[in-house]
Amino acid sequence: EISSANFRAREKQIIDEIIGPGNYDKRIRPAGANDTGEREGRSSIVHINIMIRNVQTISDVKMEYSIQITFREQWKDHRLTFDNIGGKYYYSH
């Protein structure tokens, strides 16, 4: 069994391999649909989900309302793909 310290060290190494300095630049947008870049006119597809969690106050006099929402965005960035070498690296945490 792998010790917790060894597990954390390997986990850090994998993350550094994916998003460490020189590997991933968050300032560059991901490739668009079908891995085409923005220059080819294809933007990334972004899925959005908004859930209203709570309507706290409604004021018809002030014409204001207060709500709590959860806002989610999802898109694919193939630069962050992790190759687990056919299941060799399995994390259950």
N, C-alpha and C. Protein backbone atom coordinates (compact mmCIF):
# COMPACT_ATOMS: atom_id res chain seq x y z
N GLU A 1 0.85 -1.19 0.00
CA GLU A 1 0.00 0.00 0.00
C GLU A 1 0.89 1.25 0.00
N ILE A 2 0.50 2.24 -0.74
CA ILE A 2 1.26 3.48 -0.85
C ILE A 2 0.98 4.34 0.37
N SER A 3 2.04 4.87 0.97
CA SER A 3 1.84 5.74 2.13
C SER A 3 1.25 7.07 1.69
N SER A 4 0.65 7.76 2.65
CA SER A 4 0.00 9.04 2.35
C SER A 4 1.00 10.06 1.83
N ALA A 5 2.21 10.07 2.39
CA ALA A 5 3.25 11.02 1.96
C ALA A 5 3.67 10.73 0.52
N ASN A 6 3.85 9.44 0.18
CA ASN A 6 4.22 9.07 -1.19
C ASN A 6 3.11 9.40 -2.17
N PHE A 7 1.87 9.17 -1.74
CA PHE A 7 0.72 9.48 -2.58
C PHE A 7 0.67 10.97 -2.89
N ARG A 8 0.83 11.81 -1.87
CA ARG A 8 0.79 13.26 -2.05
C ARG A 8 1.94 13.74 -2.93
N ALA A 9 3.11 13.16 -2.77
CA ALA A 9 4.26 13.54 -3.59
C ALA A 9 4.01 13.20 -5.06
N ARG A 10 3.46 12.00 -5.32
CA ARG A 10 3.18 11.61 -6.71
C ARG A 10 2.07 12.47 -7.29
N GLU A 11 1.06 12.77 -6.47
CA GLU A 11 -0.03 13.63 -6.90
C GLU A 11 0.49 15.01 -7.31
N LYS A 12 1.39 15.57 -6.52
CA LYS A 12 1.99 16.87 -6.83
C LYS A 12 2.79 16.79 -8.13
N GLN A 13 3.53 15.70 -8.30
CA GLN A 13 4.33 15.53 -9.51
C GLN A 13 3.44 15.49 -10.75
N ILE A 14 2.32 14.78 -10.68
CA ILE A 14 1.40 14.69 -11.82
C ILE A 14 0.80 16.06 -12.13
N ILE A 15 0.37 16.77 -11.11
CA ILE A 15 -0.20 18.11 -11.32
C ILE A 15 0.83 19.04 -11.93
N ASP A 16 2.08 18.99 -11.44
CA ASP A 16 3.14 19.82 -12.00
C ASP A 16 3.41 19.49 -13.46
N GLU A 17 3.30 18.19 -13.83
CA GLU A 17 3.50 17.79 -15.21
C GLU A 17 2.42 18.36 -16.12
N ILE A 18 1.21 18.53 -15.59
CA ILE A 18 0.11 19.03 -16.40
C ILE A 18 0.09 20.55 -16.43
N ILE A 19 0.14 21.20 -15.27
CA ILE A 19 -0.03 22.66 -15.23
C ILE A 19 1.17 23.40 -14.65
N GLY A 20 2.30 22.73 -14.55
CA GLY A 20 3.49 23.37 -14.01
C GLY A 20 4.05 24.42 -14.96
N PRO A 21 5.02 25.19 -14.46
CA PRO A 21 5.64 26.23 -15.30
C PRO A 21 6.19 25.63 -16.59
N GLY A 22 5.91 26.28 -17.70
CA GLY A 22 6.39 25.82 -18.99
C GLY A 22 5.50 24.79 -19.66
N ASN A 23 4.49 24.28 -18.93
CA ASN A 23 3.61 23.27 -19.51
C ASN A 23 2.24 23.81 -19.90
N TYR A 24 1.72 24.73 -19.11
CA TYR A 24 0.36 25.22 -19.34
C TYR A 24 0.34 26.72 -19.09
N ASP A 25 -0.21 27.46 -20.04
CA ASP A 25 -0.33 28.90 -19.90
C ASP A 25 -1.82 29.26 -19.85
N LYS A 26 -2.30 29.63 -18.66
CA LYS A 26 -3.73 29.91 -18.49
C LYS A 26 -4.19 31.14 -19.27
N ARG A 27 -3.26 31.94 -19.76
CA ARG A 27 -3.64 33.14 -20.52
C ARG A 27 -4.05 32.81 -21.95
N ILE A 28 -3.70 31.62 -22.42
CA ILE A 28 -4.02 31.20 -23.78
C ILE A 28 -5.33 30.43 -23.76
N ARG A 29 -6.27 30.82 -24.60
CA ARG A 29 -7.56 30.15 -24.66
C ARG A 29 -7.40 28.73 -25.19
N PRO A 30 -8.28 27.82 -24.75
CA PRO A 30 -8.21 26.45 -25.30
C PRO A 30 -8.62 26.44 -26.76
N ALA A 31 -8.19 25.39 -27.45
CA ALA A 31 -8.57 25.23 -28.86
C ALA A 31 -10.09 25.10 -28.95
N GLY A 32 -10.64 25.55 -30.05
CA GLY A 32 -12.09 25.52 -30.23
C GLY A 32 -12.61 24.16 -30.61
N ALA A 33 -13.81 24.14 -31.13
CA ALA A 33 -14.45 22.89 -31.54
C ALA A 33 -13.57 22.17 -32.55
N ASN A 34 -13.48 20.87 -32.43
CA ASN A 34 -12.65 20.03 -33.31
C ASN A 34 -11.18 20.43 -33.26
N ASP A 35 -10.75 20.94 -32.09
CA ASP A 35 -9.36 21.35 -31.86
C ASP A 35 -8.87 22.42 -32.82
N THR A 36 -9.77 23.24 -33.32
CA THR A 36 -9.35 24.35 -34.16
C THR A 36 -9.18 25.58 -33.29
N GLY A 37 -8.26 26.39 -33.62
CA GLY A 37 -8.00 27.59 -32.84
C GLY A 37 -8.97 28.71 -33.18
N GLU A 38 -8.89 29.76 -32.41
CA GLU A 38 -9.79 30.90 -32.61
C GLU A 38 -9.54 31.56 -33.97
N ARG A 39 -8.30 31.46 -34.45
CA ARG A 39 -7.98 32.09 -35.74
C ARG A 39 -8.78 31.48 -36.89
N GLU A 40 -9.14 30.19 -36.74
CA GLU A 40 -9.93 29.54 -37.78
C GLU A 40 -11.41 29.85 -37.64
N GLY A 41 -11.79 30.69 -36.67
CA GLY A 41 -13.17 31.09 -36.51
C GLY A 41 -14.01 30.14 -35.67
N ARG A 42 -13.39 29.17 -35.01
CA ARG A 42 -14.12 28.22 -34.18
C ARG A 42 -13.82 28.49 -32.71
N SER A 43 -14.81 28.91 -31.99
CA SER A 43 -14.64 29.18 -30.57
C SER A 43 -14.85 27.91 -29.76
N SER A 44 -14.39 27.92 -28.52
CA SER A 44 -14.66 26.81 -27.61
C SER A 44 -16.13 26.78 -27.25
N ILE A 45 -16.67 25.58 -27.10
CA ILE A 45 -18.05 25.43 -26.68
C ILE A 45 -18.07 25.44 -25.15
N VAL A 46 -18.84 26.37 -24.58
CA VAL A 46 -18.94 26.51 -23.13
C VAL A 46 -20.38 26.22 -22.72
N HIS A 47 -20.54 25.26 -21.83
CA HIS A 47 -21.85 24.91 -21.29
C HIS A 47 -22.04 25.67 -19.97
N ILE A 48 -23.19 26.29 -19.80
CA ILE A 48 -23.47 27.10 -18.62
C ILE A 48 -24.70 26.55 -17.91
N ASN A 49 -24.65 26.54 -16.59
CA ASN A 49 -25.76 26.10 -15.76
C ASN A 49 -25.92 27.11 -14.63
N ILE A 50 -27.13 27.63 -14.45
CA ILE A 50 -27.43 28.55 -13.36
C ILE A 50 -28.58 27.96 -12.56
N MET A 51 -28.36 27.83 -11.26
CA MET A 51 -29.41 27.32 -10.39
C MET A 51 -29.73 28.37 -9.32
N ILE A 52 -30.99 28.75 -9.22
CA ILE A 52 -31.40 29.68 -8.18
C ILE A 52 -31.55 28.87 -6.89
N ARG A 53 -30.72 29.20 -5.91
CA ARG A 53 -30.71 28.45 -4.65
C ARG A 53 -31.68 29.02 -3.62
N ASN A 54 -31.85 30.34 -3.62
CA ASN A 54 -32.70 30.96 -2.61
C ASN A 54 -33.09 32.36 -3.06
N VAL A 55 -34.35 32.70 -2.92
CA VAL A 55 -34.81 34.07 -3.13
C VAL A 55 -34.94 34.66 -1.74
N GLN A 56 -34.04 35.58 -1.39
CA GLN A 56 -33.98 36.07 -0.02
C GLN A 56 -34.97 37.20 0.25
N THR A 57 -34.90 38.21 -0.57
CA THR A 57 -35.79 39.36 -0.36
C THR A 57 -36.31 39.88 -1.69
N ILE A 58 -37.52 40.38 -1.67
CA ILE A 58 -38.10 41.05 -2.82
C ILE A 58 -38.74 42.33 -2.31
N SER A 59 -38.34 43.45 -2.92
CA SER A 59 -38.91 44.75 -2.54
C SER A 59 -39.57 45.37 -3.77
N ASP A 60 -40.90 45.39 -3.77
CA ASP A 60 -41.59 46.00 -4.90
C ASP A 60 -41.52 47.53 -4.83
N VAL A 61 -41.28 48.06 -3.64
CA VAL A 61 -41.15 49.52 -3.49
C VAL A 61 -39.83 49.99 -4.09
N LYS A 62 -38.74 49.33 -3.72
CA LYS A 62 -37.42 49.70 -4.24
C LYS A 62 -37.12 49.06 -5.59
N MET A 63 -37.97 48.11 -6.00
CA MET A 63 -37.76 47.34 -7.22
C MET A 63 -36.40 46.63 -7.19
N GLU A 64 -36.14 45.94 -6.07
CA GLU A 64 -34.90 45.20 -5.88
C GLU A 64 -35.23 43.79 -5.40
N TYR A 65 -34.32 42.90 -5.64
CA TYR A 65 -34.44 41.54 -5.10
C TYR A 65 -33.04 41.02 -4.79
N SER A 66 -32.99 40.05 -3.93
CA SER A 66 -31.72 39.44 -3.54
C SER A 66 -31.88 37.92 -3.65
N ILE A 67 -30.96 37.29 -4.38
CA ILE A 67 -31.02 35.85 -4.56
C ILE A 67 -29.63 35.24 -4.37
N GLN A 68 -29.61 33.96 -4.08
CA GLN A 68 -28.38 33.17 -4.08
C GLN A 68 -28.45 32.24 -5.29
N ILE A 69 -27.36 32.22 -6.06
CA ILE A 69 -27.33 31.35 -7.23
C ILE A 69 -26.05 30.54 -7.25
N THR A 70 -26.09 29.44 -7.97
CA THR A 70 -24.89 28.68 -8.30
C THR A 70 -24.72 28.81 -9.81
N PHE A 71 -23.54 29.27 -10.21
CA PHE A 71 -23.23 29.49 -11.63
C PHE A 71 -22.10 28.54 -12.00
N ARG A 72 -22.33 27.69 -13.00
CA ARG A 72 -21.32 26.73 -13.42
C ARG A 72 -21.00 26.92 -14.89
N GLU A 73 -19.72 26.78 -15.22
CA GLU A 73 -19.26 26.80 -16.60
C GLU A 73 -18.45 25.53 -16.84
N GLN A 74 -18.56 24.98 -18.03
CA GLN A 74 -17.81 23.77 -18.35
C GLN A 74 -17.35 23.83 -19.80
N TRP A 75 -16.09 23.53 -20.02
CA TRP A 75 -15.54 23.43 -21.37
C TRP A 75 -14.38 22.46 -21.34
N LYS A 76 -13.98 21.99 -22.51
CA LYS A 76 -12.85 21.07 -22.61
C LYS A 76 -11.61 21.83 -23.00
N ASP A 77 -10.54 21.55 -22.28
CA ASP A 77 -9.23 22.09 -22.61
C ASP A 77 -8.29 20.88 -22.68
N HIS A 78 -8.01 20.44 -23.89
CA HIS A 78 -7.23 19.22 -24.08
C HIS A 78 -5.80 19.35 -23.56
N ARG A 79 -5.36 20.56 -23.28
CA ARG A 79 -4.02 20.73 -22.72
C ARG A 79 -3.95 20.19 -21.29
N LEU A 80 -5.11 19.99 -20.66
CA LEU A 80 -5.15 19.48 -19.28
C LEU A 80 -5.43 17.98 -19.21
N THR A 81 -5.37 17.29 -20.34
CA THR A 81 -5.64 15.86 -20.38
C THR A 81 -4.59 15.11 -19.57
N PHE A 82 -5.06 14.18 -18.75
CA PHE A 82 -4.18 13.35 -17.93
C PHE A 82 -4.19 11.94 -18.47
N ASP A 83 -3.02 11.43 -18.80
CA ASP A 83 -2.89 10.06 -19.27
C ASP A 83 -2.55 9.18 -18.07
N ASN A 84 -3.50 8.36 -17.65
CA ASN A 84 -3.26 7.51 -16.48
C ASN A 84 -2.62 6.18 -16.86
N ILE A 85 -2.04 6.11 -18.03
CA ILE A 85 -1.30 4.95 -18.52
C ILE A 85 -2.12 3.67 -18.34
N GLY A 86 -3.28 3.67 -18.96
CA GLY A 86 -4.13 2.48 -18.94
C GLY A 86 -4.60 2.07 -17.57
N GLY A 87 -4.82 3.02 -16.69
CA GLY A 87 -5.32 2.70 -15.35
C GLY A 87 -4.23 2.48 -14.32
N LYS A 88 -2.98 2.69 -14.72
CA LYS A 88 -1.87 2.46 -13.79
C LYS A 88 -1.96 3.41 -12.58
N TYR A 89 -2.38 4.64 -12.85
CA TYR A 89 -2.54 5.62 -11.77
C TYR A 89 -4.02 5.74 -11.45
N TYR A 90 -4.38 5.30 -10.27
CA TYR A 90 -5.77 5.35 -9.86
C TYR A 90 -5.85 6.08 -8.53
N TYR A 91 -6.67 7.12 -8.48
CA TYR A 91 -6.83 7.89 -7.26
C TYR A 91 -8.26 7.78 -6.78
N SER A 92 -8.43 7.37 -5.55
CA SER A 92 -9.78 7.19 -5.01
C SER A 92 -10.14 8.30 -4.04
N HIS A 93 -9.36 9.37 -4.01
CA HIS A 93 -9.63 10.46 -3.07
C HIS A 93 -10.57 11.45 -3.67
